[in-house]
Amino acid sequence: MKSRFSYLSAVALLLGLCTTHPSVRLTTAHQRSEPHKETFTGEVTRNPEIDYDSMDQLYRHIIYDESRKMNYFLDDDGKAEKYDEKRVEIEGTLERKDTAIRVDSIKALD
């Protein structure tokens, strides 16, 4: 009878830990939220850190977002190239640890 009581005590303790201790939770800890579109406003320029003779390089253009005071890489060079050195509004999703924008649309402001 004593061993059955010890077993039930151990199970109750384990169940209590599973519901209160974050490292033992039974639910999924890393639920990914859907990325949401954001608007970025600033000037598109060429990325000064790459070699433009190499065709295999990503992130040939960047935008300096005026409101966030940050540079972001642009993932679509084809869309960004025609707006080089122009003030634009970009709609897209932040990716790559919040340093790159997956561009959905670009429109010139000036």
Protein backbone atom coordinates (compact mmCIF):
# COMPACT_ATOMS: atom_id res chain seq x y z
CA MET A 1 0.00 0.00 0.00
CA LYS A 2 2.89 2.32 0.80
CA SER A 3 4.46 1.87 -2.66
CA ARG A 4 1.14 2.69 -4.35
CA PHE A 5 0.93 5.91 -2.30
CA SER A 6 4.50 6.84 -3.30
CA TYR A 7 3.70 6.18 -6.95
CA LEU A 8 0.56 8.34 -6.83
CA SER A 9 2.48 11.11 -5.04
CA ALA A 10 5.17 11.06 -7.72
CA VAL A 11 2.58 11.24 -10.52
CA ALA A 12 0.77 14.13 -8.82
CA LEU A 13 4.07 15.98 -8.36
CA LEU A 14 5.00 15.43 -12.01
CA LEU A 15 1.62 16.66 -13.22
CA GLY A 16 1.97 19.72 -11.03
CA LEU A 17 5.39 20.49 -12.53
CA CYS A 18 4.08 20.10 -16.06
CA THR A 19 1.47 22.77 -15.56
CA THR A 20 3.62 25.29 -13.68
CA HIS A 21 7.24 24.92 -14.78
CA PRO A 22 7.90 26.53 -18.21
CA SER A 23 10.55 24.03 -19.32
CA VAL A 24 8.20 21.08 -18.77
CA ARG A 25 5.03 22.43 -20.39
CA LEU A 26 3.08 20.09 -22.59
CA THR A 27 1.89 22.84 -24.91
CA THR A 28 3.94 24.16 -27.82
CA ALA A 29 6.25 26.89 -26.57
CA HIS A 30 7.22 28.34 -29.96
CA GLN A 31 4.02 29.13 -31.78
CA ARG A 32 4.80 31.19 -34.86
CA SER A 33 2.59 34.13 -35.55
CA GLU A 34 1.69 35.02 -39.09
CA PRO A 35 4.00 37.70 -40.51
CA HIS A 36 2.21 40.96 -41.05
CA LYS A 37 2.79 43.56 -43.72
CA GLU A 38 4.36 46.83 -42.71
CA THR A 39 5.03 50.11 -44.49
CA PHE A 40 8.55 51.53 -44.76
CA THR A 41 9.27 55.06 -45.98
CA GLY A 42 12.67 56.36 -47.03
CA GLU A 43 15.30 56.50 -49.74
CA VAL A 44 16.42 53.43 -51.68
CA THR A 45 20.18 53.26 -52.28
CA ARG A 46 22.70 50.71 -53.42
CA ASN A 47 24.16 48.53 -50.70
CA PRO A 48 27.73 49.85 -50.23
CA GLU A 49 28.99 46.54 -48.84
CA ILE A 50 28.67 44.35 -51.94
CA ASP A 51 30.47 43.84 -55.23
CA TYR A 52 28.13 44.91 -58.04
CA ASP A 53 30.05 42.89 -60.63
CA SER A 54 28.96 39.67 -58.94
CA MET A 55 25.50 38.65 -60.11
CA ASP A 56 24.92 36.09 -57.33
CA GLN A 57 24.80 38.57 -54.45
CA LEU A 58 21.59 39.22 -52.57
CA TYR A 59 20.48 42.50 -51.08
CA ARG A 60 21.93 44.86 -53.70
CA HIS A 61 19.66 47.67 -52.45
CA ILE A 62 18.74 49.01 -49.04
CA ILE A 63 16.24 51.49 -47.68
CA TYR A 64 16.85 53.90 -44.85
CA ASP A 65 13.53 54.09 -43.04
CA GLU A 66 13.15 57.65 -41.79
CA SER A 67 10.73 56.93 -38.94
CA ARG A 68 12.61 53.92 -37.56
CA LYS A 69 16.05 55.42 -38.29
CA MET A 70 17.29 52.05 -39.59
CA ASN A 71 18.61 50.52 -42.78
CA TYR A 72 16.88 47.45 -44.18
CA PHE A 73 17.98 45.13 -46.97
CA LEU A 74 15.52 44.69 -49.85
CA ASP A 75 15.01 41.15 -51.11
CA ASP A 76 13.80 42.05 -54.62
CA ASP A 77 16.52 43.76 -56.61
CA GLY A 78 14.35 43.90 -59.73
CA LYS A 79 11.70 46.01 -58.02
CA ALA A 80 14.20 48.16 -56.09
CA GLU A 81 16.62 48.97 -58.94
CA LYS A 82 14.33 51.39 -60.76
CA TYR A 83 13.87 53.41 -57.52
CA ASP A 84 17.61 53.83 -56.83
CA GLU A 85 18.23 57.13 -54.99
CA LYS A 86 14.50 57.92 -54.85
CA ARG A 87 12.22 58.44 -51.88
CA VAL A 88 9.69 55.58 -51.74
CA GLU A 89 7.07 53.81 -49.70
CA ILE A 90 7.56 50.06 -49.47
CA GLU A 91 5.00 47.58 -48.31
CA GLY A 92 6.46 44.29 -47.14
CA THR A 93 7.28 41.87 -44.36
CA LEU A 94 10.33 41.95 -42.10
CA GLU A 95 12.50 38.83 -42.32
CA ARG A 96 15.97 37.57 -41.52
CA LYS A 97 15.97 38.66 -37.89
CA ASP A 98 14.31 41.97 -38.75
CA THR A 99 17.07 43.20 -41.08
CA ALA A 100 15.56 42.42 -44.49
CA ILE A 101 12.24 43.29 -46.09
CA ARG A 102 10.38 40.87 -48.33
CA VAL A 103 9.08 43.47 -50.78
CA ASP A 104 5.45 43.28 -51.86
CA SER A 105 5.20 46.70 -53.50
CA ILE A 106 7.16 49.90 -53.98
CA LYS A 107 5.81 53.29 -54.97
CA ALA A 108 7.69 56.55 -55.50
CA LEU A 109 6.78 59.49 -53.29
CA ASP A 110 8.40 62.36 -55.18
